[in-house]
Protein backbone atom coordinates (compact mmCIF):
# COMPACT_ATOMS: atom_id res chain seq x y z
CA MET A 1 46.87 95.42 1.15
CA SER A 2 48.47 95.92 4.21
CA SER A 3 47.33 98.00 6.91
CA GLN A 4 49.48 101.52 8.08
CA VAL A 5 49.26 103.22 11.55
CA HIS A 6 47.55 107.28 10.44
CA GLU A 7 48.51 110.12 12.26
CA PHE A 8 46.62 113.04 12.12
CA SER A 9 45.93 116.47 14.04
CA VAL A 10 42.35 117.43 13.96
CA GLU A 11 40.90 120.66 15.56
CA MET A 12 38.98 118.90 17.75
CA THR A 13 37.86 121.24 20.94
CA CYS A 14 34.98 118.77 22.47
CA GLU A 15 33.03 115.58 22.66
CA GLY A 16 31.52 116.67 19.79
CA CYS A 17 34.28 117.67 18.07
CA SER A 18 35.95 113.64 18.27
CA GLY A 19 32.20 112.18 18.16
CA ALA A 20 31.77 113.72 14.76
CA ALA A 21 35.50 111.99 13.81
CA LYS A 22 35.14 108.80 14.96
CA ARG A 23 31.38 108.63 13.54
CA VAL A 24 33.20 109.95 9.52
CA LEU A 25 35.56 106.79 10.24
CA ASP A 26 33.51 104.64 11.37
CA LYS A 27 31.62 104.86 8.11
CA LEU A 28 34.51 103.32 6.16
CA GLY A 29 33.98 99.75 7.86
CA ASP A 30 36.35 97.20 7.33
CA LYS A 31 38.79 99.40 6.01
CA VAL A 32 39.70 101.21 9.32
CA SER A 33 40.67 98.25 11.99
CA ASN A 34 41.43 100.59 14.40
CA VAL A 35 40.54 104.64 15.94
CA ASP A 36 42.26 105.92 19.04
CA ILE A 37 41.32 109.90 19.88
CA ASP A 38 43.32 111.90 22.22
CA LEU A 39 41.24 115.07 22.45
CA PRO A 40 43.40 116.55 24.91
CA ASN A 41 45.86 116.48 22.62
CA LYS A 42 43.64 116.62 19.10
CA LYS A 43 45.17 113.38 17.76
CA VAL A 44 43.53 110.90 16.15
CA THR A 45 45.22 107.52 15.52
CA VAL A 46 44.08 105.67 12.72
CA THR A 47 44.69 101.95 11.30
CA SER A 48 43.80 100.80 8.10
CA VAL A 49 44.43 99.67 4.75
CA LEU A 50 43.34 103.71 2.91
CA SER A 51 45.78 105.97 2.19
CA ALA A 52 46.88 108.91 4.43
CA GLU A 53 45.03 111.18 1.57
CA GLU A 54 41.89 109.18 1.57
CA LEU A 55 41.83 109.61 5.46
CA THR A 56 42.16 113.07 5.36
CA GLU A 57 39.69 113.90 2.43
CA THR A 58 37.17 111.72 5.37
CA LEU A 59 38.00 113.55 8.72
CA LYS A 60 37.87 116.89 6.51
CA LYS A 61 34.43 115.82 6.12
CA THR A 62 33.38 117.09 9.64
CA GLY A 63 34.37 120.46 9.14
CA LYS A 64 37.64 120.55 10.94
CA GLU A 65 41.48 121.21 9.98
CA VAL A 66 43.22 118.13 9.33
CA THR A 67 46.51 117.87 9.66
CA LEU A 68 49.00 114.72 8.77
CA ILE A 69 51.44 113.90 11.29
CA GLY A 70 52.63 111.00 9.85
CA SER A 71 52.48 107.02 9.41
CA LYS A 72 54.18 103.82 9.72
CA SER A 73 53.77 99.98 8.93
CA ALA A 74 50.79 98.34 11.15
């Protein structure tokens, strides 16, 4: 399965919020190859073999509001 780049809007207000997002994504191990968090713009970009739906559910474990912005092939 090929990797895709998924961009999410995540309601993050501080370093703790962005850290929580990074931690839940890191738990996915080698299914995630890159995570880029843009705290000022409240965006999380994830390169992964997982679907956007699976990543959305993972990010929702932080308790933050999560919206998929879009996906494209890596």
